C-alpha atoms as a PDB file:
ATOM      1  CA  MET A   1     192.388 217.328  55.837  1.00  0.00           C
ATOM      2  CA  ASP A   2     196.098 217.862  56.440  1.00  0.00           C
ATOM      3  CA  GLU A   3     195.591 217.791  60.203  1.00  0.00           C
ATOM      4  CA  LYS A   4     193.719 214.513  59.944  1.00  0.00           C
ATOM      5  CA  THR A   5     196.445 212.997  57.804  1.00  0.00           C
ATOM      6  CA  SER A   6     199.195 214.213  60.123  1.00  0.00           C
ATOM      7  CA  GLN A   7     197.331 212.799  63.153  1.00  0.00           C
ATOM      8  CA  THR A   8     196.872 209.424  61.563  1.00  0.00           C
ATOM      9  CA  LEU A   9     200.505 209.475  60.472  1.00  0.00           C
ATOM     10  CA  GLU A  10     201.577 210.235  64.049  1.00  0.00           C
ATOM     11  CA  GLU A  11     199.292 207.489  65.335  1.00  0.00           C
ATOM     12  CA  ARG A  12     200.785 205.038  62.854  1.00  0.00           C
ATOM     13  CA  GLU A  13     204.303 206.028  63.825  1.00  0.00           C
ATOM     14  CA  ALA A  14     203.454 205.581  67.513  1.00  0.00           C
ATOM     15  CA  ALA A  15     201.911 202.162  66.823  1.00  0.00           C
ATOM     16  CA  LEU A  16     204.976 201.178  64.817  1.00  0.00           C
ATOM     17  CA  ALA A  17     207.250 202.302  67.638  1.00  0.00           C
ATOM     18  CA  ARG A  18     205.223 200.229  70.123  1.00  0.00           C
ATOM     19  CA  ARG A  19     205.466 197.180  67.852  1.00  0.00           C
ATOM     20  CA  GLU A  20     209.223 197.645  67.499  1.00  0.00           C
ATOM     21  CA  GLU A  21     209.603 197.897  71.278  1.00  0.00           C
ATOM     22  CA  GLU A  22     207.532 194.722  71.749  1.00  0.00           C
ATOM     23  CA  LEU A  23     209.590 192.923  69.114  1.00  0.00           C
ATOM     24  CA  ALA A  24     212.815 194.000  70.809  1.00  0.00           C
ATOM     25  CA  ARG A  25     211.464 192.758  74.146  1.00  0.00           C
ATOM     26  CA  GLN A  26     210.498 189.410  72.624  1.00  0.00           C
ATOM     27  CA  GLN A  27     213.913 189.045  70.995  1.00  0.00           C
ATOM     28  CA  ALA A  28     215.637 189.765  74.300  1.00  0.00           C
ATOM     29  CA  GLN A  29     213.454 187.202  76.065  1.00  0.00           C
ATOM     30  CA  LEU A  30     214.198 184.619  73.357  1.00  0.00           C
ATOM     31  CA  ALA A  31     217.927 185.279  73.696  1.00  0.00           C
ATOM     32  CA  GLN A  32     217.696 184.766  77.470  1.00  0.00           C
ATOM     33  CA  GLU A  33     215.806 181.496  77.000  1.00  0.00           C
ATOM     34  CA  GLN A  34     218.395 180.267  74.506  1.00  0.00           C
ATOM     35  CA  GLN A  35     221.204 181.128  76.918  1.00  0.00           C
ATOM     36  CA  GLU A  36     219.405 179.246  79.688  1.00  0.00           C
ATOM     37  CA  LEU A  37     218.946 176.180  77.467  1.00  0.00           C
ATOM     38  CA  HIS A  38     222.602 176.309  76.461  1.00  0.00           C
ATOM     39  CA  ARG A  39     223.612 176.635  80.113  1.00  0.00           C
ATOM     40  CA  ARG A  40     221.469 173.647  81.105  1.00  0.00           C
ATOM     41  CA  LYS A  41     222.890 171.558  78.276  1.00  0.00           C
ATOM     42  CA  GLY A  42     226.376 172.575  79.364  1.00  0.00           C
ATOM     43  CA  LEU A  43     225.679 171.246  82.844  1.00  0.00           C
ATOM     44  CA  LEU A  44     225.134 167.803  81.366  1.00  0.00           C
ATOM     45  CA  ASP A  45     227.992 167.472  78.906  1.00  0.00           C
ATOM     46  CA  ASN A  46     230.312 170.329  79.954  1.00  0.00           C
ATOM     47  CA  GLY A  47     230.585 171.302  76.298  1.00  0.00           C
ATOM     48  CA  ASP A  48     232.435 168.100  75.384  1.00  0.00           C
ATOM     49  CA  PRO A  49     231.552 167.129  71.775  1.00  0.00           C
ATOM     50  CA  ASN A  50     232.464 163.486  72.476  1.00  0.00           C
ATOM     51  CA  PHE A  51     230.237 163.259  75.568  1.00  0.00           C
ATOM     52  CA  LYS A  52     228.409 159.968  76.152  1.00  0.00           C
ATOM     53  CA  ASN A  53     226.185 159.191  79.083  1.00  0.00           C
ATOM     54  CA  GLY A  54     226.699 156.097  81.227  1.00  0.00           C
ATOM     55  CA  LYS A  55     224.180 153.959  79.369  1.00  0.00           C
ATOM     56  CA  GLU A  56     225.862 154.636  76.029  1.00  0.00           C
ATOM     57  CA  LYS A  57     229.228 153.712  77.506  1.00  0.00           C
ATOM     58  CA  ILE A  58     227.880 150.360  78.683  1.00  0.00           C
ATOM     59  CA  TYR A  59     226.390 149.596  75.266  1.00  0.00           C
ATOM     60  CA  ASP A  60     229.685 150.493  73.591  1.00  0.00           C
ATOM     61  CA  ARG A  61     231.435 147.791  75.651  1.00  0.00           C
ATOM     62  CA  LEU A  62     229.018 145.071  74.523  1.00  0.00           C
ATOM     63  CA  PRO A  63     229.699 143.628  71.059  1.00  0.00           C
ATOM     64  CA  VAL A  64     226.009 143.302  70.116  1.00  0.00           C
ATOM     65  CA  THR A  65     223.729 145.042  67.673  1.00  0.00           C
ATOM     66  CA  ALA A  66     220.533 146.831  68.632  1.00  0.00           C
ATOM     67  CA  LYS A  67     218.434 143.942  67.287  1.00  0.00           C
ATOM     68  CA  GLN A  68     220.387 141.466  69.389  1.00  0.00           C
ATOM     69  CA  MET A  69     219.954 143.660  72.462  1.00  0.00           C
ATOM     70  CA  ASP A  70     216.192 143.871  71.803  1.00  0.00           C
ATOM     71  CA  LEU A  71     216.047 140.085  71.566  1.00  0.00           C
ATOM     72  CA  VAL A  72     217.910 139.703  74.880  1.00  0.00           C
ATOM     73  CA  VAL A  73     215.511 142.131  76.571  1.00  0.00           C
ATOM     74  CA  LYS A  74     212.452 140.284  75.203  1.00  0.00           C
ATOM     75  CA  VAL A  75     213.816 136.924  76.374  1.00  0.00           C
ATOM     76  CA  LEU A  76     214.430 138.322  79.859  1.00  0.00           C
ATOM     77  CA  GLU A  77     210.927 139.798  79.965  1.00  0.00           C
ATOM     78  CA  ALA A  78     209.466 136.436  78.953  1.00  0.00           C
ATOM     79  CA  ALA A  79     211.517 134.716  81.669  1.00  0.00           C
ATOM     80  CA  ILE A  80     210.129 137.096  84.285  1.00  0.00           C
ATOM     81  CA  VAL A  81     206.561 136.400  83.128  1.00  0.00           C
ATOM     82  CA  VAL A  82     207.163 132.632  83.283  1.00  0.00           C
ATOM     83  CA  VAL A  83     208.645 132.840  86.786  1.00  0.00           C
ATOM     84  CA  LEU A  84     205.696 134.922  88.014  1.00  0.00           C
ATOM     85  CA  ALA A  85     203.198 132.556  86.394  1.00  0.00           C
ATOM     86  CA  VAL A  86     204.840 129.514  87.985  1.00  0.00           C
ATOM     87  CA  ALA A  87     204.877 131.228  91.367  1.00  0.00           C
ATOM     88  CA  LEU A  88     201.176 132.114  91.128  1.00  0.00           C
ATOM     89  CA  LEU A  89     200.218 128.642  89.940  1.00  0.00           C
ATOM     90  CA  ASP A  90     202.239 127.059  92.732  1.00  0.00           C
ATOM     91  CA  LYS A  91     200.577 129.284  95.315  1.00  0.00           C
ATOM     92  CA  TYR A  92     196.987 128.783  94.140  1.00  0.00           C
ATOM     93  CA  LEU A  93     196.996 125.240  92.760  1.00  0.00           C
ATOM     94  CA  PHE A  94     199.191 123.335  95.162  1.00  0.00           C
END
């Protein structure tokens, strides 16, 4: 009975060692992925905490709220639809 117990104990220890090795491998892979994500993010903003992309800079120059900007965009979209409708009607009706 002692031999059986010692064998199962050795098997458990070996399984535990394999799990620990797998966990260490996964942690190393996760650390590499995090470094890669941080490197990619650094390519965009160069680590500057006050970084703004070009679109944000343009919106900062305009003294309008987001609702006002949405309204302007909707009006321009409606104007495009009207121009296209008039062009199609002119082509097919006249």
